[in-house]
């Protein structure tokens, strides 16, 4: 379906956070997704992914994750210098600040007229996959898609060590975890740590493992894999639809 786009300004901890919003052009109510970028923020490859999801019938809200450190609208180039810059911004952001941003984004979706009641989810890539998982600690989140999420197994996220791994049992959302088997940032032992922790907590995520590298869904780099990306998108769309259908059939506290 056709989409429309606009930007919102949220104030979080006295810092202006840009929220890029893509949504169906046709009036109505749709599930809402907090959509997290990788360390390069909202450049073309990430916005194309956000727009693509919106076209399937979602209100997609993508925050600038380093708004406290970078001017509004900053896109970090995915080169050697940009990688250093993005990783440094990630290192300098406190876990509590990431959590505050998640609350602000989720609250915005809950009050936005085009978002259907009780149908909130998260989706993210790389550091954003971790943030999407961490945001799903909030009980209003019904579905979370974590694409090659970095740092969950190691606690590496920001200025402090993240406690996401030990808190996975708090998640009530349905989880979809997407990995590449050639990903040096989420190696086999990291994947095993995450999945064993979830199993111990009694959670059964849907897990997909592709013959692909890290960031294989970014269409501007040497690790881009169009076939794996298309396969992952088909799974993501089906997962979200099933999750929100279930949310409608079994709303919280029903």
C-alpha atoms as a PDB file:
ATOM      1  CA  UNK A   1       0.000   0.000   0.000  1.00  0.00           C
ATOM      2  CA  UNK A   2       1.050   3.614  -0.463  1.00  0.00           C
ATOM      3  CA  UNK A   3       2.613   5.387   2.479  1.00  0.00           C
ATOM      4  CA  UNK A   4       3.151   8.862   3.839  1.00  0.00           C
ATOM      5  CA  UNK A   5       6.001  10.171   5.961  1.00  0.00           C
ATOM      6  CA  UNK A   6       6.586  12.898   8.522  1.00  0.00           C
ATOM      7  CA  UNK A   7       8.808  13.710  11.482  1.00  0.00           C
ATOM      8  CA  UNK A   8       7.851  14.192  15.110  1.00  0.00           C
ATOM      9  CA  UNK A   9       9.843  15.951  17.838  1.00  0.00           C
ATOM     10  CA  UNK A  10       9.896  14.316  21.266  1.00  0.00           C
ATOM     11  CA  UNK A  11      11.715  15.808  24.247  1.00  0.00           C
ATOM     12  CA  UNK A  12      13.464  13.129  26.287  1.00  0.00           C
ATOM     13  CA  UNK A  13      15.698  14.134  29.215  1.00  0.00           C
ATOM     14  CA  UNK A  14      15.672  17.706  27.862  1.00  0.00           C
ATOM     15  CA  UNK A  15      17.034  16.493  24.522  1.00  0.00           C
ATOM     16  CA  UNK A  16      15.112  16.743  21.250  1.00  0.00           C
ATOM     17  CA  UNK A  17      14.639  13.285  19.759  1.00  0.00           C
ATOM     18  CA  UNK A  18      13.522  13.089  16.132  1.00  0.00           C
ATOM     19  CA  UNK A  19      11.011  10.377  15.399  1.00  0.00           C
ATOM     20  CA  UNK A  20      10.722   9.484  11.705  1.00  0.00           C
ATOM     21  CA  UNK A  21       7.215   8.202  11.025  1.00  0.00           C
ATOM     22  CA  UNK A  22       6.125   6.198   7.982  1.00  0.00           C
ATOM     23  CA  UNK A  23       2.530   4.984   7.793  1.00  0.00           C
ATOM     24  CA  UNK A  24      -0.138   3.904   5.313  1.00  0.00           C
ATOM     25  CA  UNK A  25      -1.599   6.797   3.342  1.00  0.00           C
ATOM     26  CA  UNK A  26      -5.106   5.374   3.676  1.00  0.00           C
ATOM     27  CA  UNK A  27      -6.856   6.554   6.829  1.00  0.00           C
ATOM     28  CA  UNK A  28      -7.407   3.880   9.424  1.00  0.00           C
ATOM     29  CA  UNK A  29      -5.848   2.237  12.449  1.00  0.00           C
ATOM     30  CA  UNK A  30      -2.829  -0.013  12.168  1.00  0.00           C
ATOM     31  CA  UNK A  31      -0.343  -1.745  14.474  1.00  0.00           C
ATOM     32  CA  UNK A  32       2.480   0.509  15.617  1.00  0.00           C
ATOM     33  CA  UNK A  33       6.162  -0.405  15.525  1.00  0.00           C
ATOM     34  CA  UNK A  34       9.105   1.279  17.243  1.00  0.00           C
ATOM     35  CA  UNK A  35      11.780   0.807  14.588  1.00  0.00           C
ATOM     36  CA  UNK A  36      15.422   0.919  15.676  1.00  0.00           C
ATOM     37  CA  UNK A  37      18.353   1.667  13.395  1.00  0.00           C
ATOM     38  CA  UNK A  38      21.891   0.389  13.582  1.00  0.00           C
ATOM     39  CA  UNK A  39      24.743   2.650  14.758  1.00  0.00           C
ATOM     40  CA  UNK A  40      24.549   4.761  11.586  1.00  0.00           C
ATOM     41  CA  UNK A  41      21.120   6.187  12.502  1.00  0.00           C
ATOM     42  CA  UNK A  42      18.457   7.016   9.914  1.00  0.00           C
ATOM     43  CA  UNK A  43      20.259   6.896   6.596  1.00  0.00           C
ATOM     44  CA  UNK A  44      18.820   5.720   3.289  1.00  0.00           C
ATOM     45  CA  UNK A  45      19.154   1.962   3.869  1.00  0.00           C
ATOM     46  CA  UNK A  46      17.336   2.124   7.206  1.00  0.00           C
ATOM     47  CA  UNK A  47      14.612   4.475   5.976  1.00  0.00           C
ATOM     48  CA  UNK A  48      13.966   2.191   3.009  1.00  0.00           C
ATOM     49  CA  UNK A  49      13.464  -0.685   5.444  1.00  0.00           C
ATOM     50  CA  UNK A  50      11.127   1.442   7.586  1.00  0.00           C
ATOM     51  CA  UNK A  51       9.136   2.530   4.534  1.00  0.00           C
ATOM     52  CA  UNK A  52       8.887  -1.048   3.320  1.00  0.00           C
ATOM     53  CA  UNK A  53       7.401  -2.182   6.620  1.00  0.00           C
ATOM     54  CA  UNK A  54       4.923   0.710   6.625  1.00  0.00           C
ATOM     55  CA  UNK A  55       3.725  -0.424   3.210  1.00  0.00           C
ATOM     56  CA  UNK A  56       2.538  -3.681   4.734  1.00  0.00           C
ATOM     57  CA  UNK A  57       0.136  -1.776   6.969  1.00  0.00           C
ATOM     58  CA  UNK A  58       2.077  -0.512   9.977  1.00  0.00           C
ATOM     59  CA  UNK A  59       2.722   2.823  11.647  1.00  0.00           C
ATOM     60  CA  UNK A  60       6.512   2.787  11.873  1.00  0.00           C
ATOM     61  CA  UNK A  61       8.215   5.198  14.284  1.00  0.00           C
ATOM     62  CA  UNK A  62      12.014   5.323  14.060  1.00  0.00           C
ATOM     63  CA  UNK A  63      13.890   7.333  16.727  1.00  0.00           C
ATOM     64  CA  UNK A  64      17.340   8.840  16.291  1.00  0.00           C
ATOM     65  CA  UNK A  65      19.127   6.764  18.893  1.00  0.00           C
ATOM     66  CA  UNK A  66      22.043   9.168  19.460  1.00  0.00           C
ATOM     67  CA  UNK A  67      20.051  12.388  19.733  1.00  0.00           C
ATOM     68  CA  UNK A  68      21.857  13.426  22.904  1.00  0.00           C
ATOM     69  CA  UNK A  69      25.210  13.412  21.106  1.00  0.00           C
ATOM     70  CA  UNK A  70      24.494  14.183  17.448  1.00  0.00           C
ATOM     71  CA  UNK A  71      22.605  17.110  15.877  1.00  0.00           C
ATOM     72  CA  UNK A  72      19.086  16.350  14.712  1.00  0.00           C
ATOM     73  CA  UNK A  73      19.025  14.725  11.290  1.00  0.00           C
ATOM     74  CA  UNK A  74      22.585  13.401  11.523  1.00  0.00           C
ATOM     75  CA  UNK A  75      23.314  10.367   9.371  1.00  0.00           C
ATOM     76  CA  UNK A  76      26.592   8.626  10.177  1.00  0.00           C
ATOM     77  CA  UNK A  77      28.350   7.316   7.088  1.00  0.00           C
ATOM     78  CA  UNK A  78      28.940   3.537   7.089  1.00  0.00           C
ATOM     79  CA  UNK A  79      32.686   3.785   6.529  1.00  0.00           C
ATOM     80  CA  UNK A  80      35.697   3.271   8.810  1.00  0.00           C
ATOM     81  CA  UNK A  81      35.366   6.696  10.436  1.00  0.00           C
ATOM     82  CA  UNK A  82      31.601   6.360  10.715  1.00  0.00           C
ATOM     83  CA  UNK A  83      31.939   2.982  12.404  1.00  0.00           C
ATOM     84  CA  UNK A  84      34.242   4.531  15.003  1.00  0.00           C
ATOM     85  CA  UNK A  85      31.851   7.454  15.467  1.00  0.00           C
ATOM     86  CA  UNK A  86      28.750   5.292  15.784  1.00  0.00           C
ATOM     87  CA  UNK A  87      30.354   2.854  18.192  1.00  0.00           C
ATOM     88  CA  UNK A  88      31.620   5.736  20.310  1.00  0.00           C
ATOM     89  CA  UNK A  89      28.141   7.274  20.445  1.00  0.00           C
ATOM     90  CA  UNK A  90      26.758   3.898  21.503  1.00  0.00           C
ATOM     91  CA  UNK A  91      29.431   3.608  24.202  1.00  0.00           C
ATOM     92  CA  UNK A  92      28.705   7.081  25.557  1.00  0.00           C
ATOM     93  CA  UNK A  93      24.927   6.592  25.858  1.00  0.00           C
ATOM     94  CA  UNK A  94      23.720   5.276  29.208  1.00  0.00           C
ATOM     95  CA  UNK A  95      21.415   2.267  29.404  1.00  0.00           C
ATOM     96  CA  UNK A  96      18.893   4.400  31.307  1.00  0.00           C
ATOM     97  CA  UNK A  97      18.881   6.853  28.400  1.00  0.00           C
ATOM     98  CA  UNK A  98      18.126   4.130  25.869  1.00  0.00           C
ATOM     99  CA  UNK A  99      15.315   2.973  28.167  1.00  0.00           C
ATOM    100  CA  UNK A 100      13.916   6.508  28.454  1.00  0.00           C
ATOM    101  CA  UNK A 101      13.871   6.798  24.670  1.00  0.00           C
ATOM    102  CA  UNK A 102      11.978   3.510  24.403  1.00  0.00           C
ATOM    103  CA  UNK A 103       9.344   4.676  26.869  1.00  0.00           C
ATOM    104  CA  UNK A 104       8.909   7.971  25.009  1.00  0.00           C
ATOM    105  CA  UNK A 105       8.569   6.226  21.631  1.00  0.00           C
ATOM    106  CA  UNK A 106       6.126   3.633  22.944  1.00  0.00           C
ATOM    107  CA  UNK A 107       4.068   6.315  24.678  1.00  0.00           C
ATOM    108  CA  UNK A 108       3.896   8.307  21.457  1.00  0.00           C
ATOM    109  CA  UNK A 109       2.628   5.292  19.522  1.00  0.00           C
ATOM    110  CA  UNK A 110       0.000   4.555  22.152  1.00  0.00           C
ATOM    111  CA  UNK A 111      -1.464   8.040  21.811  1.00  0.00           C
ATOM    112  CA  UNK A 112      -1.206   8.351  18.025  1.00  0.00           C
ATOM    113  CA  UNK A 113      -4.635   8.193  16.416  1.00  0.00           C
ATOM    114  CA  UNK A 114      -3.577   5.904  13.572  1.00  0.00           C
ATOM    115  CA  UNK A 115      -2.322   3.168  15.926  1.00  0.00           C
ATOM    116  CA  UNK A 116      -4.758   0.439  16.920  1.00  0.00           C
ATOM    117  CA  UNK A 117      -5.216  -0.077  20.646  1.00  0.00           C
ATOM    118  CA  UNK A 118      -3.124  -2.867  22.128  1.00  0.00           C
ATOM    119  CA  UNK A 119      -1.129  -3.462  18.947  1.00  0.00           C
ATOM    120  CA  UNK A 120       2.398  -2.270  19.645  1.00  0.00           C
ATOM    121  CA  UNK A 121       5.626  -3.923  18.547  1.00  0.00           C
ATOM    122  CA  UNK A 122       9.336  -3.300  18.093  1.00  0.00           C
ATOM    123  CA  UNK A 123      11.844  -4.094  15.373  1.00  0.00           C
ATOM    124  CA  UNK A 124      15.526  -3.300  15.049  1.00  0.00           C
ATOM    125  CA  UNK A 125      18.874  -4.088  13.485  1.00  0.00           C
ATOM    126  CA  UNK A 126      22.289  -4.650  15.094  1.00  0.00           C
ATOM    127  CA  UNK A 127      22.343  -2.392  18.192  1.00  0.00           C
ATOM    128  CA  UNK A 128      18.734  -1.689  17.242  1.00  0.00           C
ATOM    129  CA  UNK A 129      17.970  -5.403  17.497  1.00  0.00           C
ATOM    130  CA  UNK A 130      19.172  -5.268  21.088  1.00  0.00           C
ATOM    131  CA  UNK A 131      17.134  -2.113  21.705  1.00  0.00           C
ATOM    132  CA  UNK A 132      14.042  -3.744  20.183  1.00  0.00           C
ATOM    133  CA  UNK A 133      14.485  -6.693  22.543  1.00  0.00           C
ATOM    134  CA  UNK A 134      15.085  -4.449  25.525  1.00  0.00           C
ATOM    135  CA  UNK A 135      12.039  -2.292  24.706  1.00  0.00           C
ATOM    136  CA  UNK A 136       9.988  -5.499  24.732  1.00  0.00           C
ATOM    137  CA  UNK A 137      10.561  -5.671  28.494  1.00  0.00           C
ATOM    138  CA  UNK A 138       7.670  -3.201  28.534  1.00  0.00           C
ATOM    139  CA  UNK A 139       4.461  -5.262  28.818  1.00  0.00           C
ATOM    140  CA  UNK A 140       2.609  -3.156  26.231  1.00  0.00           C
ATOM    141  CA  UNK A 141       4.833  -4.646  23.510  1.00  0.00           C
ATOM    142  CA  UNK A 142       3.119  -7.621  21.884  1.00  0.00           C
ATOM    143  CA  UNK A 143       5.758  -8.544  19.276  1.00  0.00           C
ATOM    144  CA  UNK A 144       9.487  -7.907  18.896  1.00  0.00           C
ATOM    145  CA  UNK A 145      11.675  -8.606  15.860  1.00  0.00           C
ATOM    146  CA  UNK A 146      15.406  -8.564  16.608  1.00  0.00           C
ATOM    147  CA  UNK A 147      17.629  -8.703  13.534  1.00  0.00           C
ATOM    148  CA  UNK A 148      21.221  -9.784  14.301  1.00  0.00           C
ATOM    149  CA  UNK A 149      20.988  -8.148  17.752  1.00  0.00           C
ATOM    150  CA  UNK A 150      24.395  -7.256  19.131  1.00  0.00           C
ATOM    151  CA  UNK A 151      25.349  -7.205  22.793  1.00  0.00           C
ATOM    152  CA  UNK A 152      22.485  -9.172  24.323  1.00  0.00           C
ATOM    153  CA  UNK A 153      24.726 -12.133  25.101  1.00  0.00           C
ATOM    154  CA  UNK A 154      27.654  -9.984  26.286  1.00  0.00           C
ATOM    155  CA  UNK A 155      25.882  -7.065  27.957  1.00  0.00           C
ATOM    156  CA  UNK A 156      27.507  -4.601  25.566  1.00  0.00           C
ATOM    157  CA  UNK A 157      25.138  -1.777  24.725  1.00  0.00           C
ATOM    158  CA  UNK A 158      26.091   1.568  26.218  1.00  0.00           C
ATOM    159  CA  UNK A 159      28.019   3.241  28.989  1.00  0.00           C
ATOM    160  CA  UNK A 160      26.990   0.572  31.480  1.00  0.00           C
ATOM    161  CA  UNK A 161      26.732  -3.186  31.146  1.00  0.00           C
ATOM    162  CA  UNK A 162      23.231  -4.058  30.000  1.00  0.00           C
ATOM    163  CA  UNK A 163      21.178  -6.494  32.079  1.00  0.00           C
ATOM    164  CA  UNK A 164      19.028  -7.492  29.093  1.00  0.00           C
ATOM    165  CA  UNK A 165      20.111 -11.147  29.104  1.00  0.00           C
ATOM    166  CA  UNK A 166      19.160 -11.820  32.705  1.00  0.00           C
ATOM    167  CA  UNK A 167      15.849  -9.978  32.237  1.00  0.00           C
ATOM    168  CA  UNK A 168      14.699 -11.906  29.153  1.00  0.00           C
ATOM    169  CA  UNK A 169      12.261 -13.855  31.303  1.00  0.00           C
ATOM    170  CA  UNK A 170      10.301 -10.629  31.882  1.00  0.00           C
ATOM    171  CA  UNK A 171       9.311 -10.422  28.204  1.00  0.00           C
ATOM    172  CA  UNK A 172       5.687 -11.248  27.465  1.00  0.00           C
ATOM    173  CA  UNK A 173       5.879 -10.309  23.777  1.00  0.00           C
ATOM    174  CA  UNK A 174       6.260 -12.835  21.003  1.00  0.00           C
ATOM    175  CA  UNK A 175       9.881 -12.821  19.815  1.00  0.00           C
ATOM    176  CA  UNK A 176      11.412 -13.300  16.376  1.00  0.00           C
ATOM    177  CA  UNK A 177      15.218 -13.534  16.374  1.00  0.00           C
ATOM    178  CA  UNK A 178      17.064 -13.307  13.053  1.00  0.00           C
ATOM    179  CA  UNK A 179      20.748 -14.222  12.759  1.00  0.00           C
ATOM    180  CA  UNK A 180      23.420 -14.694  10.124  1.00  0.00           C
ATOM    181  CA  UNK A 181      25.682 -17.719  10.561  1.00  0.00           C
ATOM    182  CA  UNK A 182      28.734 -15.692   9.462  1.00  0.00           C
ATOM    183  CA  UNK A 183      28.114 -12.823  11.896  1.00  0.00           C
ATOM    184  CA  UNK A 184      31.249 -12.118  13.969  1.00  0.00           C
ATOM    185  CA  UNK A 185      29.291  -9.854  16.331  1.00  0.00           C
ATOM    186  CA  UNK A 186      26.743 -12.518  17.290  1.00  0.00           C
ATOM    187  CA  UNK A 187      28.744 -15.743  16.965  1.00  0.00           C
ATOM    188  CA  UNK A 188      27.361 -19.232  17.527  1.00  0.00           C
ATOM    189  CA  UNK A 189      28.173 -19.161  21.238  1.00  0.00           C
ATOM    190  CA  UNK A 190      26.370 -15.820  21.570  1.00  0.00           C
ATOM    191  CA  UNK A 191      23.278 -17.176  19.839  1.00  0.00           C
ATOM    192  CA  UNK A 192      23.371 -20.250  22.082  1.00  0.00           C
ATOM    193  CA  UNK A 193      23.612 -18.090  25.203  1.00  0.00           C
ATOM    194  CA  UNK A 194      20.538 -16.098  24.200  1.00  0.00           C
ATOM    195  CA  UNK A 195      18.467 -19.131  23.228  1.00  0.00           C
ATOM    196  CA  UNK A 196      19.422 -21.143  26.318  1.00  0.00           C
ATOM    197  CA  UNK A 197      18.528 -18.202  28.554  1.00  0.00           C
ATOM    198  CA  UNK A 198      15.150 -17.870  26.858  1.00  0.00           C
ATOM    199  CA  UNK A 199      14.522 -21.610  27.164  1.00  0.00           C
ATOM    200  CA  UNK A 200      15.379 -21.549  30.855  1.00  0.00           C
ATOM    201  CA  UNK A 201      12.833 -18.751  31.261  1.00  0.00           C
ATOM    202  CA  UNK A 202      10.213 -20.869  29.502  1.00  0.00           C
ATOM    203  CA  UNK A 203      10.108 -18.669  26.389  1.00  0.00           C
ATOM    204  CA  UNK A 204      10.018 -20.067  22.871  1.00  0.00           C
ATOM    205  CA  UNK A 205      11.051 -17.461  20.306  1.00  0.00           C
ATOM    206  CA  UNK A 206      10.867 -18.011  16.594  1.00  0.00           C
ATOM    207  CA  UNK A 207      14.497 -18.158  15.437  1.00  0.00           C
ATOM    208  CA  UNK A 208      15.813 -17.844  11.902  1.00  0.00           C
ATOM    209  CA  UNK A 209      19.426 -18.480  10.897  1.00  0.00           C
ATOM    210  CA  UNK A 210      20.518 -17.465   7.408  1.00  0.00           C
ATOM    211  CA  UNK A 211      23.722 -18.189   5.527  1.00  0.00           C
ATOM    212  CA  UNK A 212      24.677 -14.534   5.791  1.00  0.00           C
ATOM    213  CA  UNK A 213      26.908 -12.005   7.519  1.00  0.00           C
ATOM    214  CA  UNK A 214      26.149  -9.207   9.945  1.00  0.00           C
ATOM    215  CA  UNK A 215      23.930  -6.367   8.606  1.00  0.00           C
ATOM    216  CA  UNK A 216      22.896  -8.508   5.635  1.00  0.00           C
ATOM    217  CA  UNK A 217      19.689  -6.478   5.236  1.00  0.00           C
ATOM    218  CA  UNK A 218      21.501  -3.155   4.569  1.00  0.00           C
ATOM    219  CA  UNK A 219      21.405  -2.576   0.813  1.00  0.00           C
ATOM    220  CA  UNK A 220      24.504  -0.343   0.654  1.00  0.00           C
ATOM    221  CA  UNK A 221      27.312  -2.620   1.802  1.00  0.00           C
ATOM    222  CA  UNK A 222      29.361  -5.625   0.756  1.00  0.00           C
ATOM    223  CA  UNK A 223      27.511  -7.868   3.223  1.00  0.00           C
ATOM    224  CA  UNK A 224      24.105  -7.193   1.670  1.00  0.00           C
ATOM    225  CA  UNK A 225      22.272 -10.394   0.703  1.00  0.00           C
ATOM    226  CA  UNK A 226      19.101  -9.681  -1.308  1.00  0.00           C
ATOM    227  CA  UNK A 227      17.870 -13.274  -1.222  1.00  0.00           C
ATOM    228  CA  UNK A 228      18.291 -13.608   2.543  1.00  0.00           C
ATOM    229  CA  UNK A 229      16.699 -10.180   2.980  1.00  0.00           C
ATOM    230  CA  UNK A 230      13.626 -11.126   0.952  1.00  0.00           C
ATOM    231  CA  UNK A 231      13.299 -14.394   2.858  1.00  0.00           C
ATOM    232  CA  UNK A 232      13.600 -12.569   6.174  1.00  0.00           C
ATOM    233  CA  UNK A 233      11.007  -9.980   5.176  1.00  0.00           C
ATOM    234  CA  UNK A 234       8.478 -12.681   4.311  1.00  0.00           C
ATOM    235  CA  UNK A 235       9.025 -14.191   7.762  1.00  0.00           C
ATOM    236  CA  UNK A 236       8.854 -10.804   9.512  1.00  0.00           C
ATOM    237  CA  UNK A 237       5.574  -9.820   7.884  1.00  0.00           C
ATOM    238  CA  UNK A 238       3.979 -13.201   8.609  1.00  0.00           C
ATOM    239  CA  UNK A 239       5.225 -13.114  12.210  1.00  0.00           C
ATOM    240  CA  UNK A 240       3.917  -9.619  12.880  1.00  0.00           C
ATOM    241  CA  UNK A 241       0.555 -10.357  11.305  1.00  0.00           C
ATOM    242  CA  UNK A 242       0.134 -13.517  13.378  1.00  0.00           C
ATOM    243  CA  UNK A 243       1.274 -11.726  16.542  1.00  0.00           C
ATOM    244  CA  UNK A 244      -1.169  -8.870  16.158  1.00  0.00           C
ATOM    245  CA  UNK A 245      -3.987 -11.205  15.115  1.00  0.00           C
ATOM    246  CA  UNK A 246      -3.346 -13.014  18.388  1.00  0.00           C
ATOM    247  CA  UNK A 247      -3.298  -9.703  20.240  1.00  0.00           C
ATOM    248  CA  UNK A 248      -6.750  -8.897  18.901  1.00  0.00           C
ATOM    249  CA  UNK A 249      -8.077 -12.347  19.771  1.00  0.00           C
ATOM    250  CA  UNK A 250      -6.511 -12.349  23.241  1.00  0.00           C
ATOM    251  CA  UNK A 251      -6.071  -8.785  24.489  1.00  0.00           C
ATOM    252  CA  UNK A 252      -4.187  -8.217  27.756  1.00  0.00           C
ATOM    253  CA  UNK A 253      -6.205  -8.787  30.942  1.00  0.00           C
ATOM    254  CA  UNK A 254      -9.027 -10.425  28.958  1.00  0.00           C
END
